[in-house]
Amino acid sequence: MNGLTAREIELVPIGAAIGSNCIPCIEHHIPAAKREGLTNGQIFAAIQIADGVKKVPSQKVYQSALELVETADIPPPSGGGLSRGKRAASSPARRAGMPPAFAGGAASRSFDKDKNIKPRGKSK
């Protein structure tokens, strides 16, 4: 029919529920996904990916707002190495000490063959 398995179909509403902050949806679809045979690792991966996707627009709005603020008179974070009056080549968010989108989130992780999440760069 639609080319998706019942397991795959349950991942779609989990992602949508994360994106829309719908707790009743999560409470319904996570158990449904388990009933369809998805593992906790697979569901966790879907949640992490959905959360990462959800954070992108928020981070973009935040960065856009910072770009509209004059930051020359804001001292750099301690240990930042910028002298007063010197403009950094990076964005205002970086000058304010904010991490880039996805720092430490789903984009910095990889998946092993059993669909369990593991940090990137780690062996095993």
Protein backbone atom coordinates (compact mmCIF):
# COMPACT_ATOMS: atom_id res chain seq x y z
CA MET A 1 0.00 0.00 0.00
CA ASN A 2 2.20 2.85 1.23
CA GLY A 3 5.52 0.99 1.18
CA LEU A 4 6.15 1.39 4.92
CA THR A 5 6.09 -1.38 7.48
CA ALA A 6 3.97 -1.08 10.63
CA ARG A 7 7.22 -0.53 12.56
CA GLU A 8 8.25 2.33 10.28
CA ILE A 9 4.78 3.84 10.43
CA GLU A 10 5.03 4.07 14.25
CA LEU A 11 8.28 6.05 13.99
CA VAL A 12 6.55 8.82 12.01
CA PRO A 13 4.12 9.86 14.76
CA ILE A 14 6.89 9.61 17.37
CA GLY A 15 8.88 12.16 15.39
CA ALA A 16 5.83 14.34 14.89
CA ALA A 17 4.96 14.12 18.60
CA ILE A 18 8.46 15.23 19.58
CA GLY A 19 8.26 18.11 17.10
CA SER A 20 4.88 19.26 18.40
CA ASN A 21 5.53 18.61 22.11
CA CYS A 22 2.57 16.24 22.31
CA ILE A 23 2.89 14.16 25.49
CA PRO A 24 -0.35 12.17 24.92
CA CYS A 25 0.95 11.29 21.45
CA ILE A 26 4.23 10.02 22.90
CA GLU A 27 2.36 8.07 25.55
CA HIS A 28 0.37 6.35 22.82
CA HIS A 29 2.95 5.84 20.07
CA ILE A 30 5.98 4.66 22.05
CA PRO A 31 4.10 1.65 23.49
CA ALA A 32 2.60 1.05 20.02
CA ALA A 33 6.10 1.06 18.53
CA LYS A 34 7.21 -1.48 21.14
CA ARG A 35 4.21 -3.66 20.30
CA GLU A 36 5.31 -3.55 16.65
CA GLY A 37 8.72 -4.90 17.69
CA LEU A 38 10.89 -1.78 17.76
CA THR A 39 13.64 -1.92 20.37
CA ASN A 40 14.26 0.72 23.00
CA GLY A 41 17.45 1.61 21.11
CA GLN A 42 15.56 2.14 17.86
CA ILE A 43 12.90 4.25 19.58
CA PHE A 44 15.58 6.23 21.40
CA ALA A 45 17.34 6.89 18.09
CA ALA A 46 14.09 8.17 16.57
CA ILE A 47 13.53 10.44 19.57
CA GLN A 48 17.09 11.82 19.37
CA ILE A 49 16.82 12.47 15.63
CA ALA A 50 13.41 14.15 15.99
CA ASP A 51 14.70 16.31 18.83
CA GLY A 52 17.71 17.33 16.74
CA VAL A 53 15.48 18.29 13.82
CA LYS A 54 13.19 20.20 16.19
CA LYS A 55 16.10 22.24 17.57
CA VAL A 56 17.29 23.53 14.18
CA PRO A 57 14.58 26.19 13.68
CA SER A 58 14.86 27.26 17.31
CA GLN A 59 18.63 27.65 17.01
CA LYS A 60 18.25 29.56 13.73
CA VAL A 61 15.79 32.01 15.30
CA TYR A 62 18.11 32.45 18.28
CA GLN A 63 21.11 33.12 16.03
CA SER A 64 19.11 35.54 13.86
CA ALA A 65 18.01 37.45 16.97
CA LEU A 66 21.61 37.70 18.18
CA GLU A 67 22.73 38.98 14.80
CA LEU A 68 20.33 41.90 15.19
CA VAL A 69 21.93 42.90 18.49
CA GLU A 70 25.08 45.04 18.47
CA THR A 71 27.60 42.96 20.41
CA ALA A 72 30.68 45.22 20.30
CA ASP A 73 30.06 46.42 23.86
CA ILE A 74 29.44 42.93 25.26
CA PRO A 75 32.58 41.49 26.82
CA PRO A 76 33.61 38.07 25.53
CA PRO A 77 33.17 35.07 27.80
CA SER A 78 36.08 34.53 30.17
CA GLY A 79 38.89 32.73 28.42
CA GLY A 80 37.47 33.74 25.04
CA GLY A 81 40.67 35.46 23.97
CA LEU A 82 38.94 38.38 22.22
CA SER A 83 40.13 41.86 23.09
CA ARG A 84 37.59 44.61 23.65
CA GLY A 85 36.52 46.23 20.40
CA LYS A 86 37.84 43.44 18.21
CA ARG A 87 35.14 41.66 16.22
CA ALA A 88 35.35 37.91 15.86
CA ALA A 89 34.83 36.35 12.45
CA SER A 90 32.28 33.99 13.97
CA SER A 91 28.59 34.61 14.56
CA PRO A 92 27.28 36.57 17.56
CA ALA A 93 26.12 33.30 19.05
CA ARG A 94 29.66 31.97 18.98
CA ARG A 95 31.01 35.25 20.41
CA ALA A 96 28.49 34.90 23.22
CA GLY A 97 29.88 31.45 23.96
CA MET A 98 26.90 29.51 22.66
CA PRO A 99 27.51 26.09 21.12
CA PRO A 100 26.49 25.42 17.51
CA ALA A 101 23.21 23.63 16.83
CA PHE A 102 23.32 19.91 17.60
CA ALA A 103 26.41 20.19 19.78
CA GLY A 104 26.50 16.87 21.55
CA GLY A 105 23.07 15.94 20.17
CA ALA A 106 21.85 13.51 17.57
CA ALA A 107 24.13 14.84 14.84
CA SER A 108 27.22 13.98 16.90
CA ARG A 109 26.18 10.39 17.29
CA SER A 110 26.29 7.37 15.02
CA PHE A 111 24.40 4.12 15.06
CA ASP A 112 25.71 0.59 15.30
CA LYS A 113 24.22 -2.36 13.44
CA ASP A 114 21.71 -3.04 16.25
CA LYS A 115 20.39 0.55 15.99
CA ASN A 116 21.82 1.51 19.36
CA ILE A 117 23.22 5.01 19.66
CA LYS A 118 26.89 5.47 20.39
CA PRO A 119 28.95 8.67 20.49
CA ARG A 120 30.91 9.43 17.32
CA GLY A 121 34.62 8.97 17.46
CA LYS A 122 34.47 6.32 20.16
CA SER A 123 35.82 2.90 19.31
CA LYS A 124 33.78 -0.28 19.76
